[in-house]
Amino acid sequence: MNISLTPELEQLVKDKVSSGRYHSVSEVMGEALRLLDERDACGGLRQRDREQRLAELKAKIQEGLEELERGEGIDGEEVFAELEEDIRRAEAQMQQAEAAK
């Protein structure tokens, strides 16, 4: 089998062989194809992971909307105020720990 490479890819292959890590052009190409195959296989897994995460996110959004319809929502301003207070407390604790050193 003969293949044509761009000059840049041909130089990359030559550099890999001359580095000593690979003993031949065939070895470089074999490794490249193995990695391509591995990436393609993982790509399918990543796609399934994304689809699963998207489905979970949609379910959580739906759950939140249903809670709001039942009047179980929490005021956003209240949540952010609590978060800011938690951050202030954590920062104060870190400063006290640094001062105690």
PDB file of N, CA and C in Angstrom:
ATOM      1  N   MET A   1       0.857  -1.178   0.000  1.00  0.00           N
ATOM      2  CA  MET A   1       0.000   0.000   0.000  1.00  0.00           C
ATOM      3  C   MET A   1       0.898   1.234   0.000  1.00  0.00           C
ATOM      4  N   ASN A   2       0.582   2.161  -0.850  1.00  0.00           N
ATOM      5  CA  ASN A   2       1.285   3.444  -0.885  1.00  0.00           C
ATOM      6  C   ASN A   2       0.343   4.524  -0.397  1.00  0.00           C
ATOM      7  N   ILE A   3       0.901   5.456   0.356  1.00  0.00           N
ATOM      8  CA  ILE A   3       0.098   6.584   0.817  1.00  0.00           C
ATOM      9  C   ILE A   3       0.843   7.867   0.504  1.00  0.00           C
ATOM     10  N   SER A   4       0.097   8.937   0.345  1.00  0.00           N
ATOM     11  CA  SER A   4       0.695  10.250   0.106  1.00  0.00           C
ATOM     12  C   SER A   4       0.490  11.097   1.345  1.00  0.00           C
ATOM     13  N   LEU A   5       1.552  11.749   1.772  1.00  0.00           N
ATOM     14  CA  LEU A   5       1.489  12.631   2.937  1.00  0.00           C
ATOM     15  C   LEU A   5       1.859  14.042   2.510  1.00  0.00           C
ATOM     16  N   THR A   6       1.336  14.996   3.235  1.00  0.00           N
ATOM     17  CA  THR A   6       1.781  16.372   3.017  1.00  0.00           C
ATOM     18  C   THR A   6       3.244  16.455   3.434  1.00  0.00           C
ATOM     19  N   PRO A   7       3.965  17.441   2.941  1.00  0.00           N
ATOM     20  CA  PRO A   7       5.368  17.575   3.361  1.00  0.00           C
ATOM     21  C   PRO A   7       5.515  17.696   4.880  1.00  0.00           C
ATOM     22  N   GLU A   8       4.566  18.357   5.516  1.00  0.00           N
ATOM     23  CA  GLU A   8       4.635  18.525   6.968  1.00  0.00           C
ATOM     24  C   GLU A   8       4.492  17.187   7.685  1.00  0.00           C
ATOM     25  N   LEU A   9       3.530  16.367   7.234  1.00  0.00           N
ATOM     26  CA  LEU A   9       3.344  15.059   7.862  1.00  0.00           C
ATOM     27  C   LEU A   9       4.511  14.131   7.562  1.00  0.00           C
ATOM     28  N   GLU A  10       5.043  14.218   6.358  1.00  0.00           N
ATOM     29  CA  GLU A  10       6.203  13.398   6.017  1.00  0.00           C
ATOM     30  C   GLU A  10       7.382  13.749   6.913  1.00  0.00           C
ATOM     31  N   GLN A  11       7.582  15.037   7.170  1.00  0.00           N
ATOM     32  CA  GLN A  11       8.679  15.461   8.045  1.00  0.00           C
ATOM     33  C   GLN A  11       8.427  14.995   9.482  1.00  0.00           C
ATOM     34  N   LEU A  12       7.188  15.035   9.907  1.00  0.00           N
ATOM     35  CA  LEU A  12       6.850  14.564  11.249  1.00  0.00           C
ATOM     36  C   LEU A  12       7.208  13.085  11.398  1.00  0.00           C
ATOM     37  N   VAL A  13       6.854  12.290  10.405  1.00  0.00           N
ATOM     38  CA  VAL A  13       7.174  10.866  10.459  1.00  0.00           C
ATOM     39  C   VAL A  13       8.683  10.671  10.504  1.00  0.00           C
ATOM     40  N   LYS A  14       9.409  11.394   9.644  1.00  0.00           N
ATOM     41  CA  LYS A  14      10.877  11.295   9.633  1.00  0.00           C
ATOM     42  C   LYS A  14      11.461  11.686  10.982  1.00  0.00           C
ATOM     43  N   ASP A  15      10.916  12.749  11.575  1.00  0.00           N
ATOM     44  CA  ASP A  15      11.411  13.194  12.885  1.00  0.00           C
ATOM     45  C   ASP A  15      11.180  12.130  13.958  1.00  0.00           C
ATOM     46  N   LYS A  16      10.037  11.465  13.888  1.00  0.00           N
ATOM     47  CA  LYS A  16       9.744  10.410  14.864  1.00  0.00           C
ATOM     48  C   LYS A  16      10.749   9.266  14.746  1.00  0.00           C
ATOM     49  N   VAL A  17      11.069   8.886  13.512  1.00  0.00           N
ATOM     50  CA  VAL A  17      12.030   7.802  13.307  1.00  0.00           C
ATOM     51  C   VAL A  17      13.422   8.251  13.753  1.00  0.00           C
ATOM     52  N   SER A  18      13.812   9.474  13.367  1.00  0.00           N
ATOM     53  CA  SER A  18      15.167   9.935  13.708  1.00  0.00           C
ATOM     54  C   SER A  18      15.325  10.183  15.211  1.00  0.00           C
ATOM     55  N   SER A  19      14.210  10.347  15.931  1.00  0.00           N
ATOM     56  CA  SER A  19      14.299  10.543  17.380  1.00  0.00           C
ATOM     57  C   SER A  19      14.764   9.276  18.085  1.00  0.00           C
ATOM     58  N   GLY A  20      14.618   8.138  17.387  1.00  0.00           N
ATOM     59  CA  GLY A  20      15.005   6.867  17.983  1.00  0.00           C
ATOM     60  C   GLY A  20      13.878   6.155  18.708  1.00  0.00           C
ATOM     61  N   ARG A  21      12.796   6.831  18.893  1.00  0.00           N
ATOM     62  CA  ARG A  21      11.668   6.195  19.579  1.00  0.00           C
ATOM     63  C   ARG A  21      11.025   5.124  18.700  1.00  0.00           C
ATOM     64  N   TYR A  22      11.037   5.355  17.400  1.00  0.00           N
ATOM     65  CA  TYR A  22      10.491   4.405  16.439  1.00  0.00           C
ATOM     66  C   TYR A  22      11.619   3.966  15.521  1.00  0.00           C
ATOM     67  N   HIS A  23      11.570   2.714  15.086  1.00  0.00           N
ATOM     68  CA  HIS A  23      12.650   2.163  14.278  1.00  0.00           C
ATOM     69  C   HIS A  23      12.391   2.260  12.788  1.00  0.00           C
ATOM     70  N   SER A  24      11.131   2.545  12.417  1.00  0.00           N
ATOM     71  CA  SER A  24      10.823   2.608  10.992  1.00  0.00           C
ATOM     72  C   SER A  24       9.586   3.462  10.753  1.00  0.00           C
ATOM     73  N   VAL A  25       9.417   3.839   9.482  1.00  0.00           N
ATOM     74  CA  VAL A  25       8.221   4.572   9.079  1.00  0.00           C
ATOM     75  C   VAL A  25       6.982   3.712   9.340  1.00  0.00           C
ATOM     76  N   SER A  26       7.086   2.428   9.067  1.00  0.00           N
ATOM     77  CA  SER A  26       5.952   1.523   9.288  1.00  0.00           C
ATOM     78  C   SER A  26       5.536   1.504  10.753  1.00  0.00           C
ATOM     79  N   GLU A  27       6.518   1.543  11.639  1.00  0.00           N
ATOM     80  CA  GLU A  27       6.212   1.537  13.067  1.00  0.00           C
ATOM     81  C   GLU A  27       5.480   2.826  13.474  1.00  0.00           C
ATOM     82  N   VAL A  28       5.920   3.963  12.934  1.00  0.00           N
ATOM     83  CA  VAL A  28       5.247   5.238  13.223  1.00  0.00           C
ATOM     84  C   VAL A  28       3.816   5.194  12.711  1.00  0.00           C
ATOM     85  N   MET A  29       3.632   4.722  11.487  1.00  0.00           N
ATOM     86  CA  MET A  29       2.289   4.685  10.905  1.00  0.00           C
ATOM     87  C   MET A  29       1.391   3.698  11.649  1.00  0.00           C
ATOM     88  N   GLY A  30       1.961   2.561  12.056  1.00  0.00           N
ATOM     89  CA  GLY A  30       1.177   1.599  12.824  1.00  0.00           C
ATOM     90  C   GLY A  30       0.695   2.180  14.141  1.00  0.00           C
ATOM     91  N   GLU A  31       1.591   2.884  14.824  1.00  0.00           N
ATOM     92  CA  GLU A  31       1.215   3.516  16.093  1.00  0.00           C
ATOM     93  C   GLU A  31       0.170   4.596  15.868  1.00  0.00           C
ATOM     94  N   ALA A  32       0.335   5.372  14.800  1.00  0.00           N
ATOM     95  CA  ALA A  32      -0.634   6.423  14.491  1.00  0.00           C
ATOM     96  C   ALA A  32      -2.013   5.826  14.242  1.00  0.00           C
ATOM     97  N   LEU A  33      -2.074   4.743  13.496  1.00  0.00           N
ATOM     98  CA  LEU A  33      -3.367   4.115  13.211  1.00  0.00           C
ATOM     99  C   LEU A  33      -3.967   3.474  14.454  1.00  0.00           C
ATOM    100  N   ARG A  34      -3.123   2.899  15.307  1.00  0.00           N
ATOM    101  CA  ARG A  34      -3.620   2.312  16.559  1.00  0.00           C
ATOM    102  C   ARG A  34      -4.245   3.396  17.428  1.00  0.00           C
ATOM    103  N   LEU A  35      -3.561   4.537  17.524  1.00  0.00           N
ATOM    104  CA  LEU A  35      -4.092   5.638  18.328  1.00  0.00           C
ATOM    105  C   LEU A  35      -5.369   6.215  17.725  1.00  0.00           C
ATOM    106  N   LEU A  36      -5.432   6.280  16.408  1.00  0.00           N
ATOM    107  CA  LEU A  36      -6.644   6.753  15.740  1.00  0.00           C
ATOM    108  C   LEU A  36      -7.811   5.826  16.044  1.00  0.00           C
ATOM    109  N   ASP A  37      -7.555   4.535  15.979  1.00  0.00           N
ATOM    110  CA  ASP A  37      -8.596   3.557  16.284  1.00  0.00           C
ATOM    111  C   ASP A  37      -9.047   3.680  17.733  1.00  0.00           C
ATOM    112  N   GLU A  38      -8.093   3.862  18.638  1.00  0.00           N
ATOM    113  CA  GLU A  38      -8.411   4.024  20.059  1.00  0.00           C
ATOM    114  C   GLU A  38      -9.242   5.280  20.285  1.00  0.00           C
ATOM    115  N   ARG A  39      -8.852   6.368  19.628  1.00  0.00           N
ATOM    116  CA  ARG A  39      -9.599   7.623  19.766  1.00  0.00           C
ATOM    117  C   ARG A  39     -11.013   7.476  19.241  1.00  0.00           C
ATOM    118  N   ASP A  40     -11.156   6.813  18.095  1.00  0.00           N
ATOM    119  CA  ASP A  40     -12.491   6.606  17.538  1.00  0.00           C
ATOM    120  C   ASP A  40     -13.368   5.787  18.484  1.00  0.00           C
ATOM    121  N   ALA A  41     -12.786   4.773  19.097  1.00  0.00           N
ATOM    122  CA  ALA A  41     -13.541   3.944  20.039  1.00  0.00           C
ATOM    123  C   ALA A  41     -13.960   4.761  21.250  1.00  0.00           C
ATOM    124  N   CYS A  42     -13.048   5.599  21.752  1.00  0.00           N
ATOM    125  CA  CYS A  42     -13.365   6.431  22.919  1.00  0.00           C
ATOM    126  C   CYS A  42     -14.375   7.505  22.566  1.00  0.00           C
ATOM    127  N   GLY A  43     -14.338   7.981  21.327  1.00  0.00           N
ATOM    128  CA  GLY A  43     -15.286   9.006  20.895  1.00  0.00           C
ATOM    129  C   GLY A  43     -16.715   8.546  21.049  1.00  0.00           C
ATOM    130  N   GLY A  44     -16.965   7.278  20.740  1.00  0.00           N
ATOM    131  CA  GLY A  44     -18.305   6.732  20.919  1.00  0.00           C
ATOM    132  C   GLY A  44     -18.706   6.711  22.371  1.00  0.00           C
ATOM    133  N   LEU A  45     -17.753   6.391  23.244  1.00  0.00           N
ATOM    134  CA  LEU A  45     -18.038   6.396  24.679  1.00  0.00           C
ATOM    135  C   LEU A  45     -18.335   7.808  25.151  1.00  0.00           C
ATOM    136  N   ARG A  46     -17.530   8.755  24.689  1.00  0.00           N
ATOM    137  CA  ARG A  46     -17.755  10.145  25.100  1.00  0.00           C
ATOM    138  C   ARG A  46     -19.122  10.620  24.646  1.00  0.00           C
ATOM    139  N   GLN A  47     -19.529  10.238  23.442  1.00  0.00           N
ATOM    140  CA  GLN A  47     -20.834  10.634  22.944  1.00  0.00           C
ATOM    141  C   GLN A  47     -21.934  10.065  23.837  1.00  0.00           C
ATOM    142  N   ARG A  48     -21.790   8.793  24.231  1.00  0.00           N
ATOM    143  CA  ARG A  48     -22.787   8.187  25.123  1.00  0.00           C
ATOM    144  C   ARG A  48     -22.792   8.884  26.480  1.00  0.00           C
ATOM    145  N   ASP A  49     -21.599   9.239  26.986  1.00  0.00           N
ATOM    146  CA  ASP A  49     -21.516   9.953  28.261  1.00  0.00           C
ATOM    147  C   ASP A  49     -22.223  11.296  28.162  1.00  0.00           C
ATOM    148  N   ARG A  50     -21.985  12.013  27.054  1.00  0.00           N
ATOM    149  CA  ARG A  50     -22.641  13.317  26.880  1.00  0.00           C
ATOM    150  C   ARG A  50     -24.147  13.153  26.815  1.00  0.00           C
ATOM    151  N   GLU A  51     -24.597  12.147  26.094  1.00  0.00           N
ATOM    152  CA  GLU A  51     -26.036  11.918  25.981  1.00  0.00           C
ATOM    153  C   GLU A  51     -26.641  11.575  27.334  1.00  0.00           C
ATOM    154  N   GLN A  52     -25.933  10.768  28.122  1.00  0.00           N
ATOM    155  CA  GLN A  52     -26.432  10.399  29.441  1.00  0.00           C
ATOM    156  C   GLN A  52     -26.468  11.629  30.347  1.00  0.00           C
ATOM    157  N   ARG A  53     -25.400  12.426  30.322  1.00  0.00           N
ATOM    158  CA  ARG A  53     -25.375  13.626  31.159  1.00  0.00           C
ATOM    159  C   ARG A  53     -26.467  14.601  30.752  1.00  0.00           C
ATOM    160  N   LEU A  54     -26.699  14.727  29.445  1.00  0.00           N
ATOM    161  CA  LEU A  54     -27.754  15.618  28.977  1.00  0.00           C
ATOM    162  C   LEU A  54     -29.115  15.133  29.455  1.00  0.00           C
ATOM    163  N   ALA A  55     -29.351  13.831  29.383  1.00  0.00           N
ATOM    164  CA  ALA A  55     -30.623  13.273  29.855  1.00  0.00           C
ATOM    165  C   ALA A  55     -30.796  13.522  31.355  1.00  0.00           C
ATOM    166  N   GLU A  56     -29.707  13.348  32.128  1.00  0.00           N
ATOM    167  CA  GLU A  56     -29.779  13.596  33.574  1.00  0.00           C
ATOM    168  C   GLU A  56     -30.059  15.068  33.854  1.00  0.00           C
ATOM    169  N   LEU A  57     -29.416  15.951  33.097  1.00  0.00           N
ATOM    170  CA  LEU A  57     -29.639  17.383  33.282  1.00  0.00           C
ATOM    171  C   LEU A  57     -31.079  17.761  32.965  1.00  0.00           C
ATOM    172  N   LYS A  58     -31.597  17.215  31.880  1.00  0.00           N
ATOM    173  CA  LYS A  58     -32.996  17.497  31.522  1.00  0.00           C
ATOM    174  C   LYS A  58     -33.944  17.002  32.613  1.00  0.00           C
ATOM    175  N   ALA A  59     -33.647  15.842  33.190  1.00  0.00           N
ATOM    176  CA  ALA A  59     -34.486  15.311  34.261  1.00  0.00           C
ATOM    177  C   ALA A  59     -34.440  16.222  35.481  1.00  0.00           C
ATOM    178  N   LYS A  60     -33.247  16.731  35.821  1.00  0.00           N
ATOM    179  CA  LYS A  60     -33.124  17.637  36.972  1.00  0.00           C
ATOM    180  C   LYS A  60     -33.849  18.952  36.721  1.00  0.00           C
ATOM    181  N   ILE A  61     -33.764  19.452  35.497  1.00  0.00           N
ATOM    182  CA  ILE A  61     -34.494  20.682  35.166  1.00  0.00           C
ATOM    183  C   ILE A  61     -35.991  20.455  35.306  1.00  0.00           C
ATOM    184  N   GLN A  62     -36.467  19.328  34.787  1.00  0.00           N
ATOM    185  CA  GLN A  62     -37.891  19.007  34.893  1.00  0.00           C
ATOM    186  C   GLN A  62     -38.307  18.900  36.354  1.00  0.00           C
ATOM    187  N   GLU A  63     -37.479  18.253  37.166  1.00  0.00           N
ATOM    188  CA  GLU A  63     -37.772  18.125  38.596  1.00  0.00           C
ATOM    189  C   GLU A  63     -37.856  19.502  39.247  1.00  0.00           C
ATOM    190  N   GLY A  64     -36.922  20.378  38.890  1.00  0.00           N
ATOM    191  CA  GLY A  64     -36.940  21.731  39.450  1.00  0.00           C
ATOM    192  C   GLY A  64     -38.174  22.513  39.034  1.00  0.00           C
ATOM    193  N   LEU A  65     -38.568  22.368  37.785  1.00  0.00           N
ATOM    194  CA  LEU A  65     -39.771  23.057  37.317  1.00  0.00           C
ATOM    195  C   LEU A  65     -41.015  22.555  38.051  1.00  0.00           C
ATOM    196  N   GLU A  66     -41.076  21.252  38.276  1.00  0.00           N
ATOM    197  CA  GLU A  66     -42.208  20.686  39.007  1.00  0.00           C
ATOM    198  C   GLU A  66     -42.226  21.177  40.455  1.00  0.00           C
ATOM    199  N   GLU A  67     -41.055  21.305  41.066  1.00  0.00           N
ATOM    200  CA  GLU A  67     -40.984  21.826  42.437  1.00  0.00           C
ATOM    201  C   GLU A  67     -41.470  23.269  42.472  1.00  0.00           C
ATOM    202  N   LEU A  68     -41.079  24.061  41.476  1.00  0.00           N
ATOM    203  CA  LEU A  68     -41.539  25.446  41.421  1.00  0.00           C
ATOM    204  C   LEU A  68     -43.055  25.517  41.272  1.00  0.00           C
ATOM    205  N   GLU A  69     -43.605  24.642  40.445  1.00  0.00           N
ATOM    206  CA  GLU A  69     -45.066  24.625  40.267  1.00  0.00           C
ATOM    207  C   GLU A  69     -45.784  24.274  41.561  1.00  0.00           C
ATOM    208  N   ARG A  70     -45.155  23.485  42.417  1.00  0.00           N
ATOM    209  CA  ARG A  70     -45.753  23.121  43.712  1.00  0.00           C
ATOM    210  C   ARG A  70     -45.455  24.163  44.791  1.00  0.00           C
ATOM    211  N   GLY A  71     -44.747  25.232  44.427  1.00  0.00           N
ATOM    212  CA  GLY A  71     -44.411  26.278  45.393  1.00  0.00           C
ATOM    213  C   GLY A  71     -43.245  25.922  46.283  1.00  0.00           C
ATOM    214  N   GLU A  72     -42.416  24.979  45.862  1.00  0.00           N
ATOM    215  CA  GLU A  72     -41.293  24.526  46.680  1.00  0.00           C
ATOM    216  C   GLU A  72     -39.983  25.216  46.316  1.00  0.00           C
ATOM    217  N   GLY A  73     -40.054  26.237  45.499  1.00  0.00           N
ATOM    218  CA  GLY A  73     -38.838  26.919  45.069  1.00  0.00           C
ATOM    219  C   GLY A  73     -38.218  27.760  46.169  1.00  0.00           C
ATOM    220  N   ILE A  74     -36.933  28.049  46.012  1.00  0.00           N
ATOM    221  CA  ILE A  74     -36.211  28.905  46.957  1.00  0.00           C
ATOM    222  C   ILE A  74     -35.846  30.182  46.222  1.00  0.00           C
ATOM    223  N   ASP A  75     -36.025  31.309  46.880  1.00  0.00           N
ATOM    224  CA  ASP A  75     -35.710  32.601  46.292  1.00  0.00           C
ATOM    225  C   ASP A  75     -34.225  32.663  45.933  1.00  0.00           C
ATOM    226  N   GLY A  76     -33.934  33.018  44.688  1.00  0.00           N
ATOM    227  CA  GLY A  76     -32.554  33.077  44.216  1.00  0.00           C
ATOM    228  C   GLY A  76     -31.696  34.039  45.007  1.00  0.00           C
ATOM    229  N   GLU A  77     -32.222  35.190  45.357  1.00  0.00           N
ATOM    230  CA  GLU A  77     -31.464  36.172  46.136  1.00  0.00           C
ATOM    231  C   GLU A  77     -31.056  35.599  47.486  1.00  0.00           C
ATOM    232  N   GLU A  78     -31.966  34.838  48.088  1.00  0.00           N
ATOM    233  CA  GLU A  78     -31.690  34.205  49.379  1.00  0.00           C
ATOM    234  C   GLU A  78     -30.565  33.175  49.244  1.00  0.00           C
ATOM    235  N   VAL A  79     -30.614  32.390  48.174  1.00  0.00           N
ATOM    236  CA  VAL A  79     -29.575  31.378  47.939  1.00  0.00           C
ATOM    237  C   VAL A  79     -28.218  32.041  47.768  1.00  0.00           C
ATOM    238  N   PHE A  80     -28.163  33.092  46.949  1.00  0.00           N
ATOM    239  CA  PHE A  80     -26.890  33.768  46.717  1.00  0.00           C
ATOM    240  C   PHE A  80     -26.372  34.434  47.983  1.00  0.00           C
ATOM    241  N   ALA A  81     -27.270  34.983  48.793  1.00  0.00           N
ATOM    242  CA  ALA A  81     -26.843  35.593  50.056  1.00  0.00           C
ATOM    243  C   ALA A  81     -26.228  34.533  50.972  1.00  0.00           C
ATOM    244  N   GLU A  82     -26.840  33.349  51.016  1.00  0.00           N
ATOM    245  CA  GLU A  82     -26.294  32.265  51.836  1.00  0.00           C
ATOM    246  C   GLU A  82     -24.934  31.815  51.311  1.00  0.00           C
ATOM    247  N   LEU A  83     -24.795  31.720  50.009  1.00  0.00           N
ATOM    248  CA  LEU A  83     -23.511  31.329  49.423  1.00  0.00           C
ATOM    249  C   LEU A  83     -22.419  32.350  49.737  1.00  0.00           C
ATOM    250  N   GLU A  84     -22.770  33.622  49.614  1.00  0.00           N
ATOM    251  CA  GLU A  84     -21.788  34.675  49.916  1.00  0.00           C
ATOM    252  C   GLU A  84     -21.370  34.624  51.378  1.00  0.00           C
ATOM    253  N   GLU A  85     -22.308  34.348  52.259  1.00  0.00           N
ATOM    254  CA  GLU A  85     -21.984  34.237  53.686  1.00  0.00           C
ATOM    255  C   GLU A  85     -21.084  33.025  53.935  1.00  0.00           C
ATOM    256  N   ASP A  86     -21.375  31.922  53.279  1.00  0.00           N
ATOM    257  CA  ASP A  86     -20.520  30.731  53.403  1.00  0.00           C
ATOM    258  C   ASP A  86     -19.099  31.034  52.928  1.00  0.00           C
ATOM    259  N   ILE A  87     -18.988  31.764  51.842  1.00  0.00           N
ATOM    260  CA  ILE A  87     -17.661  32.135  51.320  1.00  0.00           C
ATOM    261  C   ILE A  87     -16.934  33.035  52.303  1.00  0.00           C
ATOM    262  N   ARG A  88     -17.642  34.005  52.861  1.00  0.00           N
ATOM    263  CA  ARG A  88     -17.012  34.908  53.849  1.00  0.00           C
ATOM    264  C   ARG A  88     -16.507  34.123  55.058  1.00  0.00           C
ATOM    265  N   ARG A  89     -17.314  33.179  55.542  1.00  0.00           N
ATOM    266  CA  ARG A  89     -16.898  32.361  56.687  1.00  0.00           C
ATOM    267  C   ARG A  89     -15.670  31.524  56.344  1.00  0.00           C
ATOM    268  N   ALA A  90     -15.666  30.917  55.166  1.00  0.00           N
ATOM    269  CA  ALA A  90     -14.529  30.087  54.755  1.00  0.00           C
ATOM    270  C   ALA A  90     -13.264  30.931  54.615  1.00  0.00           C
ATOM    271  N   GLU A  91     -13.395  32.127  54.054  1.00  0.00           N
ATOM    272  CA  GLU A  91     -12.236  33.009  53.917  1.00  0.00           C
ATOM    273  C   GLU A  91     -11.703  33.428  55.278  1.00  0.00           C
ATOM    274  N   ALA A  92     -12.615  33.721  56.211  1.00  0.00           N
ATOM    275  CA  ALA A  92     -12.199  34.103  57.556  1.00  0.00           C
ATOM    276  C   ALA A  92     -11.471  32.952  58.245  1.00  0.00           C
ATOM    277  N   GLN A  93     -11.967  31.731  58.082  1.00  0.00           N
ATOM    278  CA  GLN A  93     -11.303  30.567  58.663  1.00  0.00           C
ATOM    279  C   GLN A  93      -9.920  30.360  58.061  1.00  0.00           C
ATOM    280  N   MET A  94      -9.798  30.560  56.767  1.00  0.00           N
ATOM    281  CA  MET A  94      -8.485  30.407  56.119  1.00  0.00           C
ATOM    282  C   MET A  94      -7.516  31.468  56.624  1.00  0.00           C
ATOM    283  N   GLN A  95      -8.006  32.699  56.808  1.00  0.00           N
ATOM    284  CA  GLN A  95      -7.138  33.768  57.315  1.00  0.00           C
ATOM    285  C   GLN A  95      -6.694  33.466  58.743  1.00  0.00           C
ATOM    286  N   GLN A  96      -7.618  32.939  59.551  1.00  0.00           N
ATOM    287  CA  GLN A  96      -7.257  32.582  60.933  1.00  0.00           C
ATOM    288  C   GLN A  96      -6.222  31.470  60.959  1.00  0.00           C
ATOM    289  N   ALA A  97      -6.388  30.509  60.070  1.00  0.00           N
ATOM    290  CA  ALA A  97      -5.432  29.394  60.004  1.00  0.00           C
ATOM    291  C   ALA A  97      -4.062  29.897  59.553  1.00  0.00           C
ATOM    292  N   GLU A  98      -4.029  30.812  58.619  1.00  0.00           N
ATOM    293  CA  GLU A  98      -2.758  31.383  58.147  1.00  0.00           C
ATOM    294  C   GLU A  98      -2.095  32.193  59.267  1.00  0.00           C
ATOM    295  N   ALA A  99      -2.894  32.947  60.011  1.00  0.00           N
ATOM    296  CA  ALA A  99      -2.358  33.767  61.096  1.00  0.00           C
ATOM    297  C   ALA A  99      -1.810  32.913  62.233  1.00  0.00           C
ATOM    298  N   ALA A 100      -2.394  31.730  62.428  1.00  0.00           N
ATOM    299  CA  ALA A 100      -1.968  30.845  63.504  1.00  0.00           C
ATOM    300  C   ALA A 100      -0.643  30.148  63.194  1.00  0.00           C
ATOM    301  N   LYS A 101      -0.211  30.173  61.949  1.00  0.00           N
ATOM    302  CA  LYS A 101       1.037  29.486  61.562  1.00  0.00           C
ATOM    303  C   LYS A 101       2.253  30.185  62.081  1.00  0.00           C
TER     304      LYS A 101
END
